[in-house]
Amino acid sequence: MFWTRLGDIPLAVLFTWLYNRIKGKSLLPVLLMHASMNATLDYLPRIKLTVYAVLGVVVLFVICTDRMWRKKTLE
């Protein structure tokens, strides 16, 4: 149970990043990503820890390459 709660933080970061990067602020890609992750984890329960580990690496990559800590310039 602890591992699934620990995985919620990177998921929230990834969903927020995806929403903020989409022009027009559409929820559809975020909803599709959420549904695909739910379907994957429901049908392949043995790989949950692996999915969360990969998710953590992806979130670190997104944070480092996108420079999320900087303010966006007004364009």
C-alpha atoms as a PDB file:
ATOM      1  CA  MET A   1       0.000   0.000   0.000  1.00  0.00           C
ATOM      2  CA  PHE A   2       2.861   2.391   0.789  1.00  0.00           C
ATOM      3  CA  TRP A   3       4.418   1.899  -2.651  1.00  0.00           C
ATOM      4  CA  THR A   4       1.226   2.826  -4.455  1.00  0.00           C
ATOM      5  CA  ARG A   5       0.880   6.052  -2.432  1.00  0.00           C
ATOM      6  CA  LEU A   6       4.532   6.842  -3.094  1.00  0.00           C
ATOM      7  CA  GLY A   7       3.853   6.472  -6.808  1.00  0.00           C
ATOM      8  CA  ASP A   8       1.074   9.062  -6.713  1.00  0.00           C
ATOM      9  CA  ILE A   9       3.517  11.961  -6.400  1.00  0.00           C
ATOM     10  CA  PRO A  10       5.408  11.295  -9.660  1.00  0.00           C
ATOM     11  CA  LEU A  11       2.084  10.612 -11.374  1.00  0.00           C
ATOM     12  CA  ALA A  12       0.740  13.979 -10.263  1.00  0.00           C
ATOM     13  CA  VAL A  13       3.893  15.682 -11.530  1.00  0.00           C
ATOM     14  CA  LEU A  14       3.662  13.913 -14.878  1.00  0.00           C
ATOM     15  CA  PHE A  15      -0.055  14.605 -15.350  1.00  0.00           C
ATOM     16  CA  THR A  16       0.425  18.270 -14.422  1.00  0.00           C
ATOM     17  CA  TRP A  17       3.408  18.614 -16.749  1.00  0.00           C
ATOM     18  CA  LEU A  18       1.462  17.056 -19.620  1.00  0.00           C
ATOM     19  CA  TYR A  19      -1.534  19.331 -19.042  1.00  0.00           C
ATOM     20  CA  ASN A  20       0.633  22.464 -18.826  1.00  0.00           C
ATOM     21  CA  ARG A  21       2.524  21.633 -22.029  1.00  0.00           C
ATOM     22  CA  ILE A  22      -0.538  21.093 -24.205  1.00  0.00           C
ATOM     23  CA  LYS A  23      -1.626  24.113 -26.196  1.00  0.00           C
ATOM     24  CA  GLY A  24      -5.252  24.910 -25.458  1.00  0.00           C
ATOM     25  CA  LYS A  25      -5.083  23.152 -22.063  1.00  0.00           C
ATOM     26  CA  SER A  26      -7.017  20.068 -23.129  1.00  0.00           C
ATOM     27  CA  LEU A  27      -7.719  17.345 -20.584  1.00  0.00           C
ATOM     28  CA  LEU A  28      -8.139  14.616 -23.201  1.00  0.00           C
ATOM     29  CA  PRO A  29      -4.443  13.558 -23.406  1.00  0.00           C
ATOM     30  CA  VAL A  30      -4.217  13.514 -19.605  1.00  0.00           C
ATOM     31  CA  LEU A  31      -7.371  11.393 -19.361  1.00  0.00           C
ATOM     32  CA  LEU A  32      -6.070   8.994 -22.025  1.00  0.00           C
ATOM     33  CA  MET A  33      -2.753   8.643 -20.201  1.00  0.00           C
ATOM     34  CA  HIS A  34      -4.560   8.010 -16.906  1.00  0.00           C
ATOM     35  CA  ALA A  35      -6.845   5.390 -18.476  1.00  0.00           C
ATOM     36  CA  SER A  36      -3.959   3.614 -20.195  1.00  0.00           C
ATOM     37  CA  MET A  37      -1.986   3.440 -16.952  1.00  0.00           C
ATOM     38  CA  ASN A  38      -5.008   2.077 -15.074  1.00  0.00           C
ATOM     39  CA  ALA A  39      -5.590  -0.565 -17.742  1.00  0.00           C
ATOM     40  CA  THR A  40      -1.937  -1.597 -17.733  1.00  0.00           C
ATOM     41  CA  LEU A  41      -1.719  -1.950 -13.959  1.00  0.00           C
ATOM     42  CA  ASP A  42      -5.044  -3.788 -13.728  1.00  0.00           C
ATOM     43  CA  TYR A  43      -4.135  -6.423 -16.311  1.00  0.00           C
ATOM     44  CA  LEU A  44      -0.463  -6.772 -15.416  1.00  0.00           C
ATOM     45  CA  PRO A  45      -0.397  -6.571 -11.605  1.00  0.00           C
ATOM     46  CA  ARG A  46       3.035  -8.155 -11.212  1.00  0.00           C
ATOM     47  CA  ILE A  47       4.828  -5.253 -12.841  1.00  0.00           C
ATOM     48  CA  LYS A  48       3.503  -2.493 -10.564  1.00  0.00           C
ATOM     49  CA  LEU A  49       6.822  -1.859  -8.823  1.00  0.00           C
ATOM     50  CA  THR A  50       8.627  -1.827 -12.166  1.00  0.00           C
ATOM     51  CA  VAL A  51       6.113   0.646 -13.584  1.00  0.00           C
ATOM     52  CA  TYR A  52       6.571   2.944 -10.592  1.00  0.00           C
ATOM     53  CA  ALA A  53      10.366   2.753 -10.891  1.00  0.00           C
ATOM     54  CA  VAL A  54      10.234   3.612 -14.593  1.00  0.00           C
ATOM     55  CA  LEU A  55       7.744   6.375 -13.828  1.00  0.00           C
ATOM     56  CA  GLY A  56      10.145   7.895 -11.310  1.00  0.00           C
ATOM     57  CA  VAL A  57      12.948   7.908 -13.880  1.00  0.00           C
ATOM     58  CA  VAL A  58      10.665   9.503 -16.484  1.00  0.00           C
ATOM     59  CA  VAL A  59       9.596  12.213 -14.038  1.00  0.00           C
ATOM     60  CA  LEU A  60      13.224  12.998 -13.162  1.00  0.00           C
ATOM     61  CA  PHE A  61      14.057  13.183 -16.863  1.00  0.00           C
ATOM     62  CA  VAL A  62      11.115  15.520 -17.542  1.00  0.00           C
ATOM     63  CA  ILE A  63      12.016  17.781 -14.625  1.00  0.00           C
ATOM     64  CA  CYS A  64      15.676  18.019 -15.639  1.00  0.00           C
ATOM     65  CA  THR A  65      15.186  18.491 -19.372  1.00  0.00           C
ATOM     66  CA  ASP A  66      12.172  20.803 -19.229  1.00  0.00           C
ATOM     67  CA  ARG A  67      13.558  23.015 -16.457  1.00  0.00           C
ATOM     68  CA  MET A  68      10.232  23.053 -14.643  1.00  0.00           C
ATOM     69  CA  TRP A  69      11.639  25.153 -11.806  1.00  0.00           C
ATOM     70  CA  ARG A  70      12.107  28.230 -14.036  1.00  0.00           C
ATOM     71  CA  LYS A  71       9.404  30.785 -14.665  1.00  0.00           C
ATOM     72  CA  LYS A  72       7.892  30.767 -18.120  1.00  0.00           C
ATOM     73  CA  THR A  73       8.613  33.838 -20.176  1.00  0.00           C
ATOM     74  CA  LEU A  74       5.651  35.757 -21.495  1.00  0.00           C
ATOM     75  CA  GLU A  75       5.452  35.348 -25.238  1.00  0.00           C
END
